[in-house]
Every structure is written in C-alpha cells, then in structure tokens.
Amino acid sequence: MERENSTVVTEFILAGLTQSQDVQLLVFTLVLIFYLIILPGNFLIILTIRSDPSLTAPLYFFLGNLAFLDASYSFIVAPRMLVDFLSEKKVISYRACITQLFFLHFLGGGEMLLLIVMAFDRYIAICRPLHYSTVMNPRACYALLLALWLGGFVHSIIQVALILRLPFCGPNQLDNFFCDVPQVIKLACTDTFVVELLMVFNSGLMTLLCFLGLLASYAVILCRVHGSSSEGKSKALSTCTTHVIIILLMFGPAIFIYTRPFTALSADKVVSFFHTVIFPLMNPVIYTLRNQEVNLP
C-alpha cells in the first residue's frame, strides 16, 4: 500500500531482544512473572488511594496517577514482546509501529512532567507549608494533571509528525524489540541529520533539562529537610529520597537513549528493556513499599 508521502514499506521486521532461544525463554518467564505479580499491584495502589479516606492529600492523588501512567505504559511494549518471543517472524505493521511510538512518548512524556509536578508538590509542602493548602488545592491539582497530559501529547505528536514526513522504501528490519525513534529514523530513505537533530532536542534535551531541574529541586528540599528539627523530618526525608530514586531509575536510561546521536550501541537493547518493561512495573511499587501510609490490603 503506497502512501502519499512516498512510503512503500507497509511493515517492519523486529530483530527482537536476543537471538538466543535460552535467553529468550528466561526473559519471557521473567517478564510474565513481573506482569502477573506487579502489574495487579499497580492497580491495587490506585484502588487503595481512591478508597482510603485518609489518602486524600495531593501527594497521593499524583501517586495514583503515577501508578495509572506506569500501568498504561507497561501495555505498550511488554505484551507484544511476550507474543513475539513465541513467534518465528516478528512483524509489526507501519501503522502499528507509529501508534506504538506515539503512545510510548505520550505516556513517557506525561510521566516526566508528572514527576516535576510531584517535586513541586513536595517543595510547597516542605518549604512553604503555610501556603500548601492554598497552592495545592483540588482545582490546581486537576489543572496540573491536565497540563502534564497535554504536555505529553504535544511532545509525542511532534515526534510522530516528523517521522510521518520521512519516506521508507526499504530495508525494513528494526534492530530492536519494539518501535522507537532512533531505530525507525535510521530506515528512512533520505538524509535524516536535521530530523535526528530535532528529535534530540525534543526528547533528549527535554529529558536532560527535566532531570537536572528535578535533581536541583530535590537538593534544595533535602537541604531544607536536613536542617529542620520538625517531627516530620524523617517522613519527608524518606518521601524525597524515594522520589530521587525513581527519578534516577527513569531518567538514566532515557538520557542514555535520547541525548546522543542515533548510533547503535551494544547496550541499547538492555537499557531499552529496563526502561520500557521493568521500570514501569516497579516504579509505583518502589514508592509504596517505602511509604508507611499506603497500607495495601
């Protein structure tokens, strides 16, 4: 099916995570275990926060949305990867590839912005406690939530718009187990230097600036907490430390993938596997296990 933008490739062949049958079986088992145990845990977090009257603070409102984003994000790559492990030929249509890429960056961008909102929430709660109830009122929380969803959509639609303008006329083998910007762009039948540069600015620079901004904000908060003698010092320190752990686990792989030229490295697939499959399932669980107020039944 030929497209108006000269695209003649109608499907992509995925190289997969590894060619070793033994490693594929091991990874398949691990991912299936993660899915069956931890994914329901994310929905349990959402249910617990929504049903417990004591968890009405903005912090838990955003934590519930974090669990929802991560649960949604985990459906983009992992299920298809599990199916592909059992298939000899791993094929994804052009439209399905673009759809996967869109939701990957839509939800990923939204989660990055959510972590910024959560950092802002902690800053107001710890550094401006007298203004907290005024600043982080329910209306403001919903406005921030809408803003991060819109931000993720704008970030993702830019990626998709740039890729849709590229002609694909073969080869059509993606050196990965899912569709992502670096591998898809390399298959275009044209010079992609300018597009790659725009992608690095859109994804890489945004990721790096968010990461540095978040580290700086939590450094200020932790310094403020460390010098405090309040009774809530231990609780605030635990919450902020957990946020920092999540930020490092999320932004580390993203910076590795998107802030450099799109050249293939041997560690790319392993980093991508952690970033798209393992981390989304673990993220809210890491936070909840360290939060004494969220008692899962």
C-alpha atoms as a PDB file:
ATOM      1  CA  MET A   1       0.000   0.000   0.000  1.00  0.00           C
ATOM      2  CA  GLU A   2       1.728   3.153  -1.220  1.00  0.00           C
ATOM      3  CA  ARG A   3       1.287   6.293   0.816  1.00  0.00           C
ATOM      4  CA  GLU A   4       1.195   9.883  -0.360  1.00  0.00           C
ATOM      5  CA  ASN A   5       4.434  10.641   1.460  1.00  0.00           C
ATOM      6  CA  SER A   6       6.209   8.045  -0.773  1.00  0.00           C
ATOM      7  CA  THR A   7       6.267   5.380   1.949  1.00  0.00           C
ATOM      8  CA  VAL A   8       6.282   1.943   0.355  1.00  0.00           C
ATOM      9  CA  VAL A   9       7.195  -0.022   3.486  1.00  0.00           C
ATOM     10  CA  THR A  10       3.972  -1.374   4.994  1.00  0.00           C
ATOM     11  CA  GLU A  11       5.541  -3.402   7.793  1.00  0.00           C
ATOM     12  CA  PHE A  12       8.709  -3.658   9.846  1.00  0.00           C
ATOM     13  CA  ILE A  13      10.526  -6.799  10.937  1.00  0.00           C
ATOM     14  CA  LEU A  14      11.698  -6.644  14.545  1.00  0.00           C
ATOM     15  CA  ALA A  15      15.098  -8.158  15.279  1.00  0.00           C
ATOM     16  CA  GLY A  16      13.990  -8.915  18.844  1.00  0.00           C
ATOM     17  CA  LEU A  17      15.803  -8.625  22.144  1.00  0.00           C
ATOM     18  CA  THR A  18      18.156 -11.551  21.521  1.00  0.00           C
ATOM     19  CA  GLN A  19      18.642 -14.419  19.098  1.00  0.00           C
ATOM     20  CA  SER A  20      19.437 -16.935  21.833  1.00  0.00           C
ATOM     21  CA  GLN A  21      16.495 -19.269  22.488  1.00  0.00           C
ATOM     22  CA  ASP A  22      17.628 -19.910  26.078  1.00  0.00           C
ATOM     23  CA  VAL A  23      17.879 -16.191  26.862  1.00  0.00           C
ATOM     24  CA  GLN A  24      14.503 -15.570  25.197  1.00  0.00           C
ATOM     25  CA  LEU A  25      12.894 -18.248  27.391  1.00  0.00           C
ATOM     26  CA  LEU A  26      14.452 -16.739  30.514  1.00  0.00           C
ATOM     27  CA  VAL A  27      13.340 -13.210  29.631  1.00  0.00           C
ATOM     28  CA  PHE A  28       9.860 -14.429  28.680  1.00  0.00           C
ATOM     29  CA  THR A  29       9.495 -16.111  32.094  1.00  0.00           C
ATOM     30  CA  LEU A  30      10.771 -13.079  33.999  1.00  0.00           C
ATOM     31  CA  VAL A  31       8.520 -10.622  32.163  1.00  0.00           C
ATOM     32  CA  LEU A  32       5.496 -12.896  32.607  1.00  0.00           C
ATOM     33  CA  ILE A  33       6.184 -13.109  36.361  1.00  0.00           C
ATOM     34  CA  PHE A  34       6.548  -9.325  36.558  1.00  0.00           C
ATOM     35  CA  TYR A  35       3.277  -8.903  34.700  1.00  0.00           C
ATOM     36  CA  LEU A  36       1.259 -11.361  36.772  1.00  0.00           C
ATOM     37  CA  ILE A  37       2.516 -10.111  40.148  1.00  0.00           C
ATOM     38  CA  ILE A  38       3.471  -6.461  39.914  1.00  0.00           C
ATOM     39  CA  LEU A  39       1.011  -5.107  37.335  1.00  0.00           C
ATOM     40  CA  PRO A  40      -2.022  -6.013  39.502  1.00  0.00           C
ATOM     41  CA  GLY A  41      -0.135  -4.328  42.339  1.00  0.00           C
ATOM     42  CA  ASN A  42      -0.225  -1.036  40.441  1.00  0.00           C
ATOM     43  CA  PHE A  43      -3.997  -1.251  40.082  1.00  0.00           C
ATOM     44  CA  LEU A  44      -4.214  -2.144  43.779  1.00  0.00           C
ATOM     45  CA  ILE A  45      -2.332   1.061  44.592  1.00  0.00           C
ATOM     46  CA  ILE A  46      -4.874   3.066  42.577  1.00  0.00           C
ATOM     47  CA  LEU A  47      -7.792   1.286  44.266  1.00  0.00           C
ATOM     48  CA  THR A  48      -6.296   1.787  47.733  1.00  0.00           C
ATOM     49  CA  ILE A  49      -5.703   5.501  47.223  1.00  0.00           C
ATOM     50  CA  ARG A  50      -9.193   6.060  45.832  1.00  0.00           C
ATOM     51  CA  SER A  51     -10.958   4.069  48.556  1.00  0.00           C
ATOM     52  CA  ASP A  52      -8.994   5.170  51.649  1.00  0.00           C
ATOM     53  CA  PRO A  53     -10.360   8.472  53.091  1.00  0.00           C
ATOM     54  CA  SER A  54      -7.019   9.164  54.782  1.00  0.00           C
ATOM     55  CA  LEU A  55      -5.182   9.300  51.442  1.00  0.00           C
ATOM     56  CA  THR A  56      -6.737  12.445  50.029  1.00  0.00           C
ATOM     57  CA  ALA A  57      -3.626  14.653  50.058  1.00  0.00           C
ATOM     58  CA  PRO A  58      -2.336  15.883  46.665  1.00  0.00           C
ATOM     59  CA  LEU A  59       0.720  13.647  47.076  1.00  0.00           C
ATOM     60  CA  TYR A  60      -1.462  10.520  46.905  1.00  0.00           C
ATOM     61  CA  PHE A  61      -3.599  11.973  44.124  1.00  0.00           C
ATOM     62  CA  PHE A  62      -0.459  12.253  41.999  1.00  0.00           C
ATOM     63  CA  LEU A  63       0.845   8.865  43.168  1.00  0.00           C
ATOM     64  CA  GLY A  64      -2.382   7.272  41.938  1.00  0.00           C
ATOM     65  CA  ASN A  65      -1.909   8.935  38.566  1.00  0.00           C
ATOM     66  CA  LEU A  66       1.706   7.764  38.520  1.00  0.00           C
ATOM     67  CA  ALA A  67       0.529   4.180  39.017  1.00  0.00           C
ATOM     68  CA  PHE A  68      -2.047   4.633  36.230  1.00  0.00           C
ATOM     69  CA  LEU A  69       0.550   6.066  33.831  1.00  0.00           C
ATOM     70  CA  ASP A  70       3.003   3.270  34.555  1.00  0.00           C
ATOM     71  CA  ALA A  71       0.356   0.564  34.210  1.00  0.00           C
ATOM     72  CA  SER A  72      -0.703   2.075  30.865  1.00  0.00           C
ATOM     73  CA  TYR A  73       2.923   2.464  29.765  1.00  0.00           C
ATOM     74  CA  SER A  74       3.630  -1.193  30.508  1.00  0.00           C
ATOM     75  CA  PHE A  75       0.941  -2.252  27.989  1.00  0.00           C
ATOM     76  CA  ILE A  76       2.739  -0.560  25.071  1.00  0.00           C
ATOM     77  CA  VAL A  77       5.759  -2.855  24.677  1.00  0.00           C
ATOM     78  CA  ALA A  78       5.677  -5.861  27.023  1.00  0.00           C
ATOM     79  CA  PRO A  79       2.542  -7.736  25.769  1.00  0.00           C
ATOM     80  CA  ARG A  80       3.672  -7.667  22.148  1.00  0.00           C
ATOM     81  CA  MET A  81       7.192  -8.656  23.187  1.00  0.00           C
ATOM     82  CA  LEU A  82       5.794 -11.705  25.001  1.00  0.00           C
ATOM     83  CA  VAL A  83       3.874 -12.703  21.869  1.00  0.00           C
ATOM     84  CA  ASP A  84       6.944 -12.143  19.669  1.00  0.00           C
ATOM     85  CA  PHE A  85       9.014 -14.448  21.864  1.00  0.00           C
ATOM     86  CA  LEU A  86       6.706 -17.260  20.721  1.00  0.00           C
ATOM     87  CA  SER A  87       6.776 -16.224  17.040  1.00  0.00           C
ATOM     88  CA  GLU A  88       9.411 -17.111  14.488  1.00  0.00           C
ATOM     89  CA  LYS A  89       8.821 -13.944  12.462  1.00  0.00           C
ATOM     90  CA  LYS A  90       8.384 -10.766  14.464  1.00  0.00           C
ATOM     91  CA  VAL A  91       6.446  -8.353  12.242  1.00  0.00           C
ATOM     92  CA  ILE A  92       4.702  -5.070  13.045  1.00  0.00           C
ATOM     93  CA  SER A  93       2.728  -3.025  10.520  1.00  0.00           C
ATOM     94  CA  TYR A  94       3.718   0.551   9.668  1.00  0.00           C
ATOM     95  CA  ARG A  95       0.598   1.965  11.327  1.00  0.00           C
ATOM     96  CA  ALA A  96       1.006  -0.195  14.443  1.00  0.00           C
ATOM     97  CA  CYS A  97       4.638   0.917  14.670  1.00  0.00           C
ATOM     98  CA  ILE A  98       3.694   4.603  14.527  1.00  0.00           C
ATOM     99  CA  THR A  99       0.903   4.011  17.065  1.00  0.00           C
ATOM    100  CA  GLN A 100       3.295   2.250  19.437  1.00  0.00           C
ATOM    101  CA  LEU A 101       5.810   5.057  19.065  1.00  0.00           C
ATOM    102  CA  PHE A 102       3.138   7.705  19.727  1.00  0.00           C
ATOM    103  CA  PHE A 103       1.869   6.160  22.970  1.00  0.00           C
ATOM    104  CA  LEU A 104       5.407   5.395  24.131  1.00  0.00           C
ATOM    105  CA  HIS A 105       6.323   9.088  24.053  1.00  0.00           C
ATOM    106  CA  PHE A 106       2.864  10.348  25.000  1.00  0.00           C
ATOM    107  CA  LEU A 107       2.795   8.419  28.284  1.00  0.00           C
ATOM    108  CA  GLY A 108       6.554   8.702  28.850  1.00  0.00           C
ATOM    109  CA  GLY A 109       6.496  12.472  28.380  1.00  0.00           C
ATOM    110  CA  GLY A 110       3.459  12.738  30.641  1.00  0.00           C
ATOM    111  CA  GLU A 111       5.224  10.775  33.361  1.00  0.00           C
ATOM    112  CA  MET A 112       8.276  13.008  33.224  1.00  0.00           C
ATOM    113  CA  LEU A 113       6.059  16.049  33.686  1.00  0.00           C
ATOM    114  CA  LEU A 114       4.193  14.274  36.497  1.00  0.00           C
ATOM    115  CA  LEU A 115       7.467  13.788  38.372  1.00  0.00           C
ATOM    116  CA  ILE A 116       8.065  17.537  38.037  1.00  0.00           C
ATOM    117  CA  VAL A 117       4.598  18.199  39.453  1.00  0.00           C
ATOM    118  CA  MET A 118       5.319  15.831  42.343  1.00  0.00           C
ATOM    119  CA  ALA A 119       8.586  17.657  43.032  1.00  0.00           C
ATOM    120  CA  PHE A 120       6.694  20.963  43.064  1.00  0.00           C
ATOM    121  CA  ASP A 121       4.168  19.452  45.475  1.00  0.00           C
ATOM    122  CA  ARG A 122       6.940  18.351  47.856  1.00  0.00           C
ATOM    123  CA  TYR A 123       8.669  21.740  47.603  1.00  0.00           C
ATOM    124  CA  ILE A 124       5.496  23.599  48.605  1.00  0.00           C
ATOM    125  CA  ALA A 125       4.708  21.087  51.373  1.00  0.00           C
ATOM    126  CA  ILE A 126       8.177  21.275  52.931  1.00  0.00           C
ATOM    127  CA  CYS A 127       9.435  24.767  52.139  1.00  0.00           C
ATOM    128  CA  ARG A 128       6.117  26.667  52.159  1.00  0.00           C
ATOM    129  CA  PRO A 129       3.897  24.626  54.497  1.00  0.00           C
ATOM    130  CA  LEU A 130       1.645  27.542  55.450  1.00  0.00           C
ATOM    131  CA  HIS A 131       0.708  28.091  51.802  1.00  0.00           C
ATOM    132  CA  TYR A 132       0.337  24.403  50.906  1.00  0.00           C
ATOM    133  CA  SER A 133      -3.445  24.067  51.216  1.00  0.00           C
ATOM    134  CA  THR A 134      -3.935  27.260  49.198  1.00  0.00           C
ATOM    135  CA  VAL A 135      -1.484  26.491  46.397  1.00  0.00           C
ATOM    136  CA  MET A 136      -2.208  22.750  46.064  1.00  0.00           C
ATOM    137  CA  ASN A 137      -5.984  22.937  46.199  1.00  0.00           C
ATOM    138  CA  PRO A 138      -8.063  20.365  44.233  1.00  0.00           C
ATOM    139  CA  ARG A 139      -8.621  22.746  41.326  1.00  0.00           C
ATOM    140  CA  ALA A 140      -4.880  23.374  40.994  1.00  0.00           C
ATOM    141  CA  CYS A 141      -4.162  19.633  41.142  1.00  0.00           C
ATOM    142  CA  TYR A 142      -6.565  18.896  38.283  1.00  0.00           C
ATOM    143  CA  ALA A 143      -5.137  21.810  36.277  1.00  0.00           C
ATOM    144  CA  LEU A 144      -1.608  20.434  36.734  1.00  0.00           C
ATOM    145  CA  LEU A 145      -2.821  16.967  35.742  1.00  0.00           C
ATOM    146  CA  LEU A 146      -4.403  18.343  32.561  1.00  0.00           C
ATOM    147  CA  ALA A 147      -1.230  20.290  31.774  1.00  0.00           C
ATOM    148  CA  LEU A 148       1.013  17.218  32.025  1.00  0.00           C
ATOM    149  CA  TRP A 149      -1.316  15.178  29.750  1.00  0.00           C
ATOM    150  CA  LEU A 150      -1.296  17.993  27.187  1.00  0.00           C
ATOM    151  CA  GLY A 151       2.464  18.317  27.509  1.00  0.00           C
ATOM    152  CA  GLY A 152       2.951  14.604  26.855  1.00  0.00           C
ATOM    153  CA  PHE A 153       0.625  14.784  23.832  1.00  0.00           C
ATOM    154  CA  VAL A 154       2.459  17.760  22.294  1.00  0.00           C
ATOM    155  CA  HIS A 155       5.836  16.104  22.872  1.00  0.00           C
ATOM    156  CA  SER A 156       4.689  12.878  21.217  1.00  0.00           C
ATOM    157  CA  ILE A 157       2.807  14.399  18.289  1.00  0.00           C
ATOM    158  CA  ILE A 158       5.949  16.317  17.291  1.00  0.00           C
ATOM    159  CA  GLN A 159       7.858  13.022  17.111  1.00  0.00           C
ATOM    160  CA  VAL A 160       5.160  11.357  15.027  1.00  0.00           C
ATOM    161  CA  ALA A 161       4.766  14.347  12.687  1.00  0.00           C
ATOM    162  CA  LEU A 162       8.487  14.348  11.915  1.00  0.00           C
ATOM    163  CA  ILE A 163       8.549  10.601  11.226  1.00  0.00           C
ATOM    164  CA  LEU A 164       5.420  10.651   9.024  1.00  0.00           C
ATOM    165  CA  ARG A 165       7.210  13.053   6.677  1.00  0.00           C
ATOM    166  CA  LEU A 166      10.026  10.560   6.081  1.00  0.00           C
ATOM    167  CA  PRO A 167       9.961   8.153   3.113  1.00  0.00           C
ATOM    168  CA  PHE A 168      10.513   4.455   3.883  1.00  0.00           C
ATOM    169  CA  CYS A 169      11.364   2.291   0.886  1.00  0.00           C
ATOM    170  CA  GLY A 170      13.460  -0.470   2.445  1.00  0.00           C
ATOM    171  CA  PRO A 171      15.199  -2.111   4.211  1.00  0.00           C
ATOM    172  CA  ASN A 172      12.524  -2.662   6.850  1.00  0.00           C
ATOM    173  CA  GLN A 173      14.299  -4.523   9.691  1.00  0.00           C
ATOM    174  CA  LEU A 174      14.320  -2.695  13.036  1.00  0.00           C
ATOM    175  CA  ASP A 175      17.233  -3.600  15.270  1.00  0.00           C
ATOM    176  CA  ASN A 176      15.081  -3.662  18.387  1.00  0.00           C
ATOM    177  CA  PHE A 177      12.141  -5.474  20.009  1.00  0.00           C
ATOM    178  CA  PHE A 178       9.759  -2.501  19.624  1.00  0.00           C
ATOM    179  CA  CYS A 179       9.354   0.670  17.550  1.00  0.00           C
ATOM    180  CA  ASP A 180      11.231   3.710  18.784  1.00  0.00           C
ATOM    181  CA  VAL A 181      12.538   6.871  17.210  1.00  0.00           C
ATOM    182  CA  PRO A 182      16.280   6.028  16.892  1.00  0.00           C
ATOM    183  CA  GLN A 183      15.769   2.746  15.015  1.00  0.00           C
ATOM    184  CA  VAL A 184      12.845   3.900  12.833  1.00  0.00           C
ATOM    185  CA  ILE A 185      14.616   7.049  11.633  1.00  0.00           C
ATOM    186  CA  LYS A 186      17.635   5.024  10.514  1.00  0.00           C
ATOM    187  CA  LEU A 187      15.456   3.143   7.987  1.00  0.00           C
ATOM    188  CA  ALA A 188      14.330   6.280   6.147  1.00  0.00           C
ATOM    189  CA  CYS A 189      15.379   6.601   2.508  1.00  0.00           C
ATOM    190  CA  THR A 190      16.714  10.138   2.874  1.00  0.00           C
ATOM    191  CA  ASP A 191      19.215  12.214   4.801  1.00  0.00           C
ATOM    192  CA  THR A 192      17.895  12.339   8.375  1.00  0.00           C
ATOM    193  CA  PHE A 193      20.504  14.601  10.006  1.00  0.00           C
ATOM    194  CA  VAL A 194      18.113  17.521  10.545  1.00  0.00           C
ATOM    195  CA  VAL A 195      15.301  15.230  11.771  1.00  0.00           C
ATOM    196  CA  GLU A 196      17.681  13.486  14.181  1.00  0.00           C
ATOM    197  CA  LEU A 197      18.806  16.857  15.498  1.00  0.00           C
ATOM    198  CA  LEU A 198      15.197  17.921  16.064  1.00  0.00           C
ATOM    199  CA  MET A 199      14.452  14.623  17.793  1.00  0.00           C
ATOM    200  CA  VAL A 200      17.445  15.007  20.102  1.00  0.00           C
ATOM    201  CA  PHE A 201      16.243  18.492  21.033  1.00  0.00           C
ATOM    202  CA  ASN A 202      12.644  17.331  21.510  1.00  0.00           C
ATOM    203  CA  SER A 203      13.393  14.179  23.516  1.00  0.00           C
ATOM    204  CA  GLY A 204      16.999  14.362  24.664  1.00  0.00           C
ATOM    205  CA  LEU A 205      17.190  17.995  25.699  1.00  0.00           C
ATOM    206  CA  MET A 206      13.768  17.874  27.346  1.00  0.00           C
ATOM    207  CA  THR A 207      14.779  14.763  29.309  1.00  0.00           C
ATOM    208  CA  LEU A 208      18.122  16.203  30.386  1.00  0.00           C
ATOM    209  CA  LEU A 209      16.678  19.562  31.477  1.00  0.00           C
ATOM    210  CA  CYS A 210      13.870  17.877  33.417  1.00  0.00           C
ATOM    211  CA  PHE A 211      16.401  15.582  35.084  1.00  0.00           C
ATOM    212  CA  LEU A 212      18.763  18.382  36.118  1.00  0.00           C
ATOM    213  CA  GLY A 213      15.851  20.550  37.264  1.00  0.00           C
ATOM    214  CA  LEU A 214      14.434  17.735  39.383  1.00  0.00           C
ATOM    215  CA  LEU A 215      17.801  16.957  40.976  1.00  0.00           C
ATOM    216  CA  ALA A 216      18.290  20.636  41.787  1.00  0.00           C
ATOM    217  CA  SER A 217      14.811  20.960  43.292  1.00  0.00           C
ATOM    218  CA  TYR A 218      15.216  17.877  45.479  1.00  0.00           C
ATOM    219  CA  ALA A 219      18.688  19.026  46.533  1.00  0.00           C
ATOM    220  CA  VAL A 220      17.086  22.228  47.836  1.00  0.00           C
ATOM    221  CA  ILE A 221      14.310  20.259  49.556  1.00  0.00           C
ATOM    222  CA  LEU A 222      16.714  17.758  51.156  1.00  0.00           C
ATOM    223  CA  CYS A 223      18.919  20.591  52.424  1.00  0.00           C
ATOM    224  CA  ARG A 224      15.850  22.212  53.921  1.00  0.00           C
ATOM    225  CA  VAL A 225      14.731  18.934  55.490  1.00  0.00           C
ATOM    226  CA  HIS A 226      18.210  18.168  56.832  1.00  0.00           C
ATOM    227  CA  GLY A 227      18.345  21.478  58.646  1.00  0.00           C
ATOM    228  CA  SER A 228      14.867  21.093  60.076  1.00  0.00           C
ATOM    229  CA  SER A 229      14.054  19.855  63.561  1.00  0.00           C
ATOM    230  CA  SER A 230      10.387  19.154  62.927  1.00  0.00           C
ATOM    231  CA  GLU A 231       8.714  15.873  63.816  1.00  0.00           C
ATOM    232  CA  GLY A 232       8.006  15.160  60.158  1.00  0.00           C
ATOM    233  CA  LYS A 233      11.671  15.295  59.178  1.00  0.00           C
ATOM    234  CA  SER A 234      12.084  11.520  58.886  1.00  0.00           C
ATOM    235  CA  LYS A 235       8.896  11.111  56.835  1.00  0.00           C
ATOM    236  CA  ALA A 236       9.769  13.998  54.498  1.00  0.00           C
ATOM    237  CA  LEU A 237      13.307  12.678  54.051  1.00  0.00           C
ATOM    238  CA  SER A 238      12.003   9.195  53.183  1.00  0.00           C
ATOM    239  CA  THR A 239       9.487  10.572  50.653  1.00  0.00           C
ATOM    240  CA  CYS A 240      12.034  12.803  48.919  1.00  0.00           C
ATOM    241  CA  THR A 241      14.682  10.061  48.843  1.00  0.00           C
ATOM    242  CA  THR A 242      12.184   7.733  47.184  1.00  0.00           C
ATOM    243  CA  HIS A 243      11.333  10.367  44.564  1.00  0.00           C
ATOM    244  CA  VAL A 244      15.050  10.785  43.807  1.00  0.00           C
ATOM    245  CA  ILE A 245      15.459   7.001  43.365  1.00  0.00           C
ATOM    246  CA  ILE A 246      12.544   6.934  40.909  1.00  0.00           C
ATOM    247  CA  ILE A 247      13.979   9.906  39.004  1.00  0.00           C
ATOM    248  CA  LEU A 248      17.387   8.230  38.661  1.00  0.00           C
ATOM    249  CA  LEU A 249      15.826   4.954  37.503  1.00  0.00           C
ATOM    250  CA  MET A 250      13.601   6.660  34.942  1.00  0.00           C
ATOM    251  CA  PHE A 251      15.798   9.420  33.572  1.00  0.00           C
ATOM    252  CA  GLY A 252      19.084   7.486  33.485  1.00  0.00           C
ATOM    253  CA  PRO A 253      18.054   5.129  30.640  1.00  0.00           C
ATOM    254  CA  ALA A 254      16.112   7.891  28.832  1.00  0.00           C
ATOM    255  CA  ILE A 255      19.175  10.175  28.827  1.00  0.00           C
ATOM    256  CA  PHE A 256      21.333   7.309  27.538  1.00  0.00           C
ATOM    257  CA  ILE A 257      18.930   6.618  24.652  1.00  0.00           C
ATOM    258  CA  TYR A 258      17.807  10.083  23.519  1.00  0.00           C
ATOM    259  CA  THR A 259      20.560  12.608  24.299  1.00  0.00           C
ATOM    260  CA  ARG A 260      23.150  11.262  21.863  1.00  0.00           C
ATOM    261  CA  PRO A 261      23.289  10.805  18.088  1.00  0.00           C
ATOM    262  CA  PHE A 262      21.209   7.845  16.933  1.00  0.00           C
ATOM    263  CA  THR A 263      24.069   5.373  16.616  1.00  0.00           C
ATOM    264  CA  ALA A 264      23.646   1.761  17.681  1.00  0.00           C
ATOM    265  CA  LEU A 265      25.459   0.621  20.823  1.00  0.00           C
ATOM    266  CA  SER A 266      25.623  -2.868  22.287  1.00  0.00           C
ATOM    267  CA  ALA A 267      23.868  -1.753  25.488  1.00  0.00           C
ATOM    268  CA  ASP A 268      20.884  -0.158  23.705  1.00  0.00           C
ATOM    269  CA  LYS A 269      18.532  -3.147  23.889  1.00  0.00           C
ATOM    270  CA  VAL A 270      19.283  -3.891  27.535  1.00  0.00           C
ATOM    271  CA  VAL A 271      18.733  -0.260  28.522  1.00  0.00           C
ATOM    272  CA  SER A 272      15.548  -0.096  26.432  1.00  0.00           C
ATOM    273  CA  PHE A 273      14.267  -3.320  28.028  1.00  0.00           C
ATOM    274  CA  PHE A 274      14.751  -1.894  31.512  1.00  0.00           C
ATOM    275  CA  HIS A 275      13.241   1.466  30.504  1.00  0.00           C
ATOM    276  CA  THR A 276      10.124   0.142  28.761  1.00  0.00           C
ATOM    277  CA  VAL A 277       9.350  -3.130  30.577  1.00  0.00           C
ATOM    278  CA  ILE A 278      10.919  -3.412  34.038  1.00  0.00           C
ATOM    279  CA  PHE A 279      10.820   0.152  35.335  1.00  0.00           C
ATOM    280  CA  PRO A 280       7.126   0.930  34.557  1.00  0.00           C
ATOM    281  CA  LEU A 281       6.076  -2.110  36.597  1.00  0.00           C
ATOM    282  CA  MET A 282       8.387  -1.341  39.520  1.00  0.00           C
ATOM    283  CA  ASN A 283       8.019   2.439  39.789  1.00  0.00           C
ATOM    284  CA  PRO A 284       4.909   2.870  41.995  1.00  0.00           C
ATOM    285  CA  VAL A 285       5.774  -0.289  43.938  1.00  0.00           C
ATOM    286  CA  ILE A 286       9.150   1.182  44.923  1.00  0.00           C
ATOM    287  CA  TYR A 287       7.374   4.245  46.215  1.00  0.00           C
ATOM    288  CA  THR A 288       4.601   2.376  48.027  1.00  0.00           C
ATOM    289  CA  LEU A 289       6.921  -0.026  49.854  1.00  0.00           C
ATOM    290  CA  ARG A 290       8.708   2.986  51.331  1.00  0.00           C
ATOM    291  CA  ASN A 291       5.526   4.827  52.216  1.00  0.00           C
ATOM    292  CA  GLN A 292       4.071   3.736  55.525  1.00  0.00           C
ATOM    293  CA  GLU A 293       0.752   5.495  54.986  1.00  0.00           C
ATOM    294  CA  VAL A 294      -0.199   3.413  51.953  1.00  0.00           C
ATOM    295  CA  ASN A 295      -1.119   0.078  53.505  1.00  0.00           C
ATOM    296  CA  LEU A 296      -2.141  -2.319  50.765  1.00  0.00           C
ATOM    297  CA  PRO A 297      -4.699  -4.922  51.879  1.00  0.00           C
END
